[in-house]
Amino acid sequence: MSHPVPPTWASVRPAERLAGTSAVRRYGHWWLVSPTGSLPASDPAFTRELDRFVADLAAADRAVAQLRADPAPVGKVAR
């Protein structure tokens, strides 16, 4: 059974990082990547939280995209 090759700091693109953190998901696994090395995130509770955070960010991105695509009419504020 082959083990996934850990990502290196130089190989991680900014878009791969979870909201600018050192958390990176590659090969179906979460990694914590720093200039000095990579560490697999193997704690199930921690990786579940990372997965939830990704889902929340995706939902927020969809909501913003929807607002930009269908903005509410701008008018006077009722008093």
C-alpha atoms as a PDB file:
ATOM      1  CA  MET A   1       0.000   0.000   0.000  1.00  0.00           C
ATOM      2  CA  SER A   2       1.486   3.323  -1.001  1.00  0.00           C
ATOM      3  CA  HIS A   3       1.455   6.281   1.321  1.00  0.00           C
ATOM      4  CA  PRO A   4       0.641   9.757   0.066  1.00  0.00           C
ATOM      5  CA  VAL A   5       3.627  11.990  -0.456  1.00  0.00           C
ATOM      6  CA  PRO A   6       3.404  14.949   1.917  1.00  0.00           C
ATOM      7  CA  PRO A   7       3.103  18.340   0.274  1.00  0.00           C
ATOM      8  CA  THR A   8       6.020  20.709   0.664  1.00  0.00           C
ATOM      9  CA  TRP A   9       5.765  24.402   1.482  1.00  0.00           C
ATOM     10  CA  ALA A  10       7.065  25.285  -1.989  1.00  0.00           C
ATOM     11  CA  SER A  11       4.580  22.985  -3.747  1.00  0.00           C
ATOM     12  CA  VAL A  12       1.449  24.385  -2.089  1.00  0.00           C
ATOM     13  CA  ARG A  13      -0.366  27.044  -4.087  1.00  0.00           C
ATOM     14  CA  PRO A  14      -2.108  29.807  -2.101  1.00  0.00           C
ATOM     15  CA  ALA A  15      -5.476  28.637  -3.450  1.00  0.00           C
ATOM     16  CA  GLU A  16      -4.906  25.211  -1.875  1.00  0.00           C
ATOM     17  CA  ARG A  17      -4.590  26.612   1.622  1.00  0.00           C
ATOM     18  CA  LEU A  18      -7.650  26.617   3.817  1.00  0.00           C
ATOM     19  CA  ALA A  19      -8.421  30.322   4.212  1.00  0.00           C
ATOM     20  CA  GLY A  20      -4.759  31.281   4.355  1.00  0.00           C
ATOM     21  CA  THR A  21      -3.910  28.751   7.075  1.00  0.00           C
ATOM     22  CA  SER A  22      -1.277  26.051   6.934  1.00  0.00           C
ATOM     23  CA  ALA A  23      -3.989  23.399   6.479  1.00  0.00           C
ATOM     24  CA  VAL A  24      -3.936  21.775   3.036  1.00  0.00           C
ATOM     25  CA  ARG A  25      -6.079  18.931   1.718  1.00  0.00           C
ATOM     26  CA  ARG A  26      -4.268  16.687  -0.750  1.00  0.00           C
ATOM     27  CA  TYR A  27      -4.803  13.124  -1.852  1.00  0.00           C
ATOM     28  CA  GLY A  28      -7.891  12.962   0.361  1.00  0.00           C
ATOM     29  CA  HIS A  29      -5.880  13.760   3.492  1.00  0.00           C
ATOM     30  CA  TRP A  30      -5.424  16.899   5.562  1.00  0.00           C
ATOM     31  CA  TRP A  31      -1.877  18.161   6.090  1.00  0.00           C
ATOM     32  CA  LEU A  32      -0.393  20.954   8.159  1.00  0.00           C
ATOM     33  CA  VAL A  33       2.369  22.428   6.037  1.00  0.00           C
ATOM     34  CA  SER A  34       5.126  24.797   7.118  1.00  0.00           C
ATOM     35  CA  PRO A  35       8.469  25.872   5.681  1.00  0.00           C
ATOM     36  CA  THR A  36      10.179  23.275   7.882  1.00  0.00           C
ATOM     37  CA  GLY A  37       8.013  20.298   6.941  1.00  0.00           C
ATOM     38  CA  SER A  38       4.597  18.696   6.688  1.00  0.00           C
ATOM     39  CA  LEU A  39       2.558  16.854   9.264  1.00  0.00           C
ATOM     40  CA  PRO A  40      -0.493  14.740   8.471  1.00  0.00           C
ATOM     41  CA  ALA A  41      -3.573  15.844  10.389  1.00  0.00           C
ATOM     42  CA  SER A  42      -4.835  12.502  11.619  1.00  0.00           C
ATOM     43  CA  ASP A  43      -7.052  13.385  14.585  1.00  0.00           C
ATOM     44  CA  PRO A  44     -10.624  12.598  13.462  1.00  0.00           C
ATOM     45  CA  ALA A  45     -12.193  15.406  15.509  1.00  0.00           C
ATOM     46  CA  PHE A  46      -9.760  17.948  14.062  1.00  0.00           C
ATOM     47  CA  THR A  47     -10.214  16.790  10.474  1.00  0.00           C
ATOM     48  CA  ARG A  48     -14.018  16.862  10.903  1.00  0.00           C
ATOM     49  CA  GLU A  49     -13.728  20.490  11.999  1.00  0.00           C
ATOM     50  CA  LEU A  50     -11.571  21.258   8.961  1.00  0.00           C
ATOM     51  CA  ASP A  51     -14.181  19.600   6.727  1.00  0.00           C
ATOM     52  CA  ARG A  52     -16.955  21.640   8.383  1.00  0.00           C
ATOM     53  CA  PHE A  53     -14.961  24.821   7.926  1.00  0.00           C
ATOM     54  CA  VAL A  54     -14.505  24.052   4.220  1.00  0.00           C
ATOM     55  CA  ALA A  55     -18.255  23.452   3.873  1.00  0.00           C
ATOM     56  CA  ASP A  56     -19.047  26.727   5.672  1.00  0.00           C
ATOM     57  CA  LEU A  57     -16.636  28.670   3.454  1.00  0.00           C
ATOM     58  CA  ALA A  58     -18.165  27.116   0.337  1.00  0.00           C
ATOM     59  CA  ALA A  59     -21.667  28.065   1.524  1.00  0.00           C
ATOM     60  CA  ALA A  60     -20.514  31.625   2.186  1.00  0.00           C
ATOM     61  CA  ASP A  61     -18.919  31.811  -1.267  1.00  0.00           C
ATOM     62  CA  ARG A  62     -22.187  30.630  -2.847  1.00  0.00           C
ATOM     63  CA  ALA A  63     -24.185  33.200  -0.871  1.00  0.00           C
ATOM     64  CA  VAL A  64     -21.882  36.021  -1.957  1.00  0.00           C
ATOM     65  CA  ALA A  65     -22.036  34.854  -5.574  1.00  0.00           C
ATOM     66  CA  GLN A  66     -25.838  34.818  -5.379  1.00  0.00           C
ATOM     67  CA  LEU A  67     -25.905  38.345  -3.959  1.00  0.00           C
ATOM     68  CA  ARG A  68     -23.609  39.571  -6.710  1.00  0.00           C
ATOM     69  CA  ALA A  69     -25.658  37.858  -9.412  1.00  0.00           C
ATOM     70  CA  ASP A  70     -29.025  39.081  -8.150  1.00  0.00           C
ATOM     71  CA  PRO A  71     -28.540  42.295  -6.175  1.00  0.00           C
ATOM     72  CA  ALA A  72     -31.519  43.804  -4.420  1.00  0.00           C
ATOM     73  CA  PRO A  73     -32.744  47.064  -5.897  1.00  0.00           C
ATOM     74  CA  VAL A  74     -31.180  50.083  -4.296  1.00  0.00           C
ATOM     75  CA  GLY A  75     -33.689  52.645  -3.155  1.00  0.00           C
ATOM     76  CA  LYS A  76     -34.491  55.131  -0.482  1.00  0.00           C
ATOM     77  CA  VAL A  77     -34.632  53.896   3.065  1.00  0.00           C
ATOM     78  CA  ALA A  78     -38.159  54.100   4.485  1.00  0.00           C
ATOM     79  CA  ARG A  79     -38.497  56.221   7.590  1.00  0.00           C
END
